[in-house]
């Protein structure tokens, strides 16, 4: 499958959005209200820390993936079980030069006021500082990275956000 980033931004697409080296993003299709992402222009693809990964065929015979995510660093009490169509399995080489087959899904990314469809690999990132890596194909064509900046879209308390959601569900 071809790598694609479809932009259906609600903000002005003509003006590039400036982001820092780390940002809070959300993945609404996966019910991820907030996850801290490291913006990495050296990485081609985006990746998210996923575990308990199960591949299966849905009622229509399409390949799907169920997986779990702890979206808040150092907090295993906040857990999301996600489901997404499997769009591909590709060989990916990490920054250490290790190649592995990874599952690819397509989902919606929201960063600031911009929303777009991105491809995301499911990876074991539990030993990494960030649960999500935002690669350059998710940023093109209208996002500029300023490595001197951080959280240009604003800071937030993710634990409070997830706690508020839990209290509404009760």
Protein backbone atom coordinates (compact mmCIF):
# COMPACT_ATOMS: atom_id res chain seq x y z
CA UNK A 1 0.00 0.00 0.00
CA UNK A 2 1.17 3.49 -0.64
CA UNK A 3 2.12 5.79 2.17
CA UNK A 4 -0.49 8.47 2.45
CA UNK A 5 -1.30 11.41 4.57
CA UNK A 6 -4.66 12.88 3.78
CA UNK A 7 -5.17 16.34 5.13
CA UNK A 8 -8.68 17.48 5.89
CA UNK A 9 -7.64 20.37 8.07
CA UNK A 10 -10.16 22.62 9.68
CA UNK A 11 -7.49 25.35 9.97
CA UNK A 12 -5.95 27.32 7.10
CA UNK A 13 -3.87 24.82 5.11
CA UNK A 14 -1.92 27.55 3.30
CA UNK A 15 -0.11 28.58 6.45
CA UNK A 16 2.39 26.02 7.76
CA UNK A 17 1.83 25.04 11.37
CA UNK A 18 4.96 25.23 13.55
CA UNK A 19 5.38 22.44 16.08
CA UNK A 20 8.08 21.69 18.63
CA UNK A 21 10.13 18.56 19.13
CA UNK A 22 7.40 17.17 21.42
CA UNK A 23 3.67 17.81 21.30
CA UNK A 24 0.39 16.59 22.77
CA UNK A 25 -1.76 14.94 20.09
CA UNK A 26 -4.98 12.95 20.05
CA UNK A 27 -6.12 9.92 18.04
CA UNK A 28 -9.92 10.24 18.07
CA UNK A 29 -10.63 7.04 16.07
CA UNK A 30 -8.77 5.07 18.76
CA UNK A 31 -10.39 6.99 21.67
CA UNK A 32 -6.96 8.34 22.66
CA UNK A 33 -7.80 11.76 24.12
CA UNK A 34 -4.18 12.78 24.60
CA UNK A 35 -0.79 11.20 24.08
CA UNK A 36 2.60 12.86 24.23
CA UNK A 37 4.43 12.41 20.91
CA UNK A 38 8.05 12.96 20.03
CA UNK A 39 8.23 14.71 16.65
CA UNK A 40 11.00 12.98 14.70
CA UNK A 41 11.76 14.14 11.17
CA UNK A 42 14.45 11.45 10.98
CA UNK A 43 11.75 8.76 11.22
CA UNK A 44 9.74 8.13 8.07
CA UNK A 45 6.75 6.49 9.75
CA UNK A 46 4.88 7.19 12.96
CA UNK A 47 4.77 4.55 15.68
CA UNK A 48 2.80 3.95 18.85
CA UNK A 49 3.53 1.70 21.81
CA UNK A 50 1.10 -1.21 21.52
CA UNK A 51 0.83 -4.52 23.34
CA UNK A 52 -1.58 -7.47 23.58
CA UNK A 53 -1.83 -7.30 19.79
CA UNK A 54 -4.35 -9.68 18.22
CA UNK A 55 -4.90 -10.06 14.48
CA UNK A 56 -8.21 -11.43 13.24
CA UNK A 57 -10.72 -11.31 10.38
CA UNK A 58 -13.97 -9.39 10.90
CA UNK A 59 -17.42 -10.58 9.77
CA UNK A 60 -16.67 -9.35 6.22
CA UNK A 61 -13.32 -11.17 6.08
CA UNK A 62 -11.21 -8.00 6.43
CA UNK A 63 -7.98 -8.13 8.45
CA UNK A 64 -8.26 -6.24 11.74
CA UNK A 65 -6.06 -5.62 14.76
CA UNK A 66 -7.00 -5.32 18.43
CA UNK A 67 -4.31 -3.83 20.67
CA UNK A 68 -3.81 -2.09 24.00
CA UNK A 69 -2.19 1.25 24.76
CA UNK A 70 -1.19 3.00 27.98
CA UNK A 71 -1.40 6.57 26.61
CA UNK A 72 0.08 8.28 29.68
CA UNK A 73 3.72 7.70 30.49
CA UNK A 74 4.45 5.96 33.80
CA UNK A 75 0.73 5.26 34.38
CA UNK A 76 -0.43 1.73 33.63
CA UNK A 77 -3.85 2.38 35.20
CA UNK A 78 -4.97 4.30 32.11
CA UNK A 79 -5.51 1.65 29.47
CA UNK A 80 -7.20 1.80 26.08
CA UNK A 81 -8.18 -1.26 24.07
CA UNK A 82 -8.24 -0.24 20.42
CA UNK A 83 -9.47 -1.81 17.18
CA UNK A 84 -8.43 -0.82 13.68
CA UNK A 85 -8.36 -2.29 10.19
CA UNK A 86 -4.95 -3.71 9.28
CA UNK A 87 -3.78 -1.90 6.15
CA UNK A 88 -0.39 -3.58 5.69
CA UNK A 89 2.55 -5.45 7.20
CA UNK A 90 5.92 -3.89 6.33
CA UNK A 91 9.55 -4.29 7.23
CA UNK A 92 10.65 -1.27 9.29
CA UNK A 93 14.19 -0.45 10.38
CA UNK A 94 14.52 1.32 13.74
CA UNK A 95 17.13 3.92 14.68
CA UNK A 96 19.43 1.15 15.91
CA UNK A 97 19.43 -0.52 12.50
CA UNK A 98 17.22 -3.44 13.58
CA UNK A 99 14.63 -4.48 10.99
CA UNK A 100 11.31 -6.08 11.93
CA UNK A 101 7.92 -6.74 10.39
CA UNK A 102 5.30 -4.36 11.81
CA UNK A 103 1.56 -3.98 11.52
CA UNK A 104 0.33 -0.74 9.92
CA UNK A 105 -3.02 0.86 10.65
CA UNK A 106 -4.60 4.07 9.41
CA UNK A 107 -6.13 6.48 11.90
CA UNK A 108 -6.99 10.13 12.46
CA UNK A 109 -4.39 12.37 14.08
CA UNK A 110 -5.35 15.67 15.66
CA UNK A 111 -2.53 18.10 16.38
CA UNK A 112 -3.68 21.53 17.42
CA UNK A 113 -6.62 22.41 15.18
CA UNK A 114 -5.37 20.27 12.29
CA UNK A 115 -6.80 16.84 11.65
CA UNK A 116 -5.45 14.35 9.15
CA UNK A 117 -5.39 10.66 8.34
CA UNK A 118 -2.02 9.02 9.02
CA UNK A 119 -0.43 5.61 8.88
CA UNK A 120 0.80 4.31 12.21
CA UNK A 121 2.93 1.28 13.05
CA UNK A 122 2.30 -0.76 16.17
CA UNK A 123 5.57 -1.16 18.05
CA UNK A 124 6.89 -2.03 21.48
CA UNK A 125 8.04 1.36 22.79
CA UNK A 126 7.67 0.61 26.53
CA UNK A 127 11.36 1.34 27.15
CA UNK A 128 11.19 4.60 25.23
CA UNK A 129 10.50 7.97 26.85
CA UNK A 130 7.57 8.70 24.51
CA UNK A 131 4.62 6.38 23.83
CA UNK A 132 4.31 7.79 20.31
CA UNK A 133 6.74 8.84 17.61
CA UNK A 134 5.43 11.24 14.98
CA UNK A 135 7.36 10.63 11.75
CA UNK A 136 7.81 12.98 8.81
CA UNK A 137 5.13 11.45 6.55
CA UNK A 138 2.53 12.45 9.18
CA UNK A 139 3.78 16.04 9.12
CA UNK A 140 3.89 16.71 5.39
CA UNK A 141 3.08 18.89 3.62
CA UNK A 142 2.13 21.73 5.95
CA UNK A 143 3.90 21.27 9.29
CA UNK A 144 7.27 22.80 10.15
CA UNK A 145 9.29 21.55 13.12
CA UNK A 146 11.25 23.99 15.27
CA UNK A 147 13.45 21.81 17.52
CA UNK A 148 13.95 24.70 19.95
CA UNK A 149 10.24 24.63 20.82
CA UNK A 150 8.11 22.27 22.91
CA UNK A 151 4.35 21.90 23.28
CA UNK A 152 3.49 24.73 20.87
CA UNK A 153 -0.12 23.49 20.86
CA UNK A 154 -0.23 23.89 24.65
CA UNK A 155 0.46 21.79 27.72
CA UNK A 156 -2.17 19.64 29.37
CA UNK A 157 -2.65 17.28 32.25
CA UNK A 158 -3.51 14.00 30.52
CA UNK A 159 -4.30 12.19 33.79
CA UNK A 160 -6.97 14.79 34.60
CA UNK A 161 -8.37 14.55 31.09
CA UNK A 162 -8.75 10.77 31.29
CA UNK A 163 -10.11 11.01 34.87
CA UNK A 164 -12.78 13.48 33.72
CA UNK A 165 -13.75 11.11 30.90
CA UNK A 166 -13.98 8.19 33.35
CA UNK A 167 -16.24 10.17 35.69
CA UNK A 168 -18.56 11.06 32.77
CA UNK A 169 -18.80 7.37 31.82
CA UNK A 170 -19.83 6.41 35.36
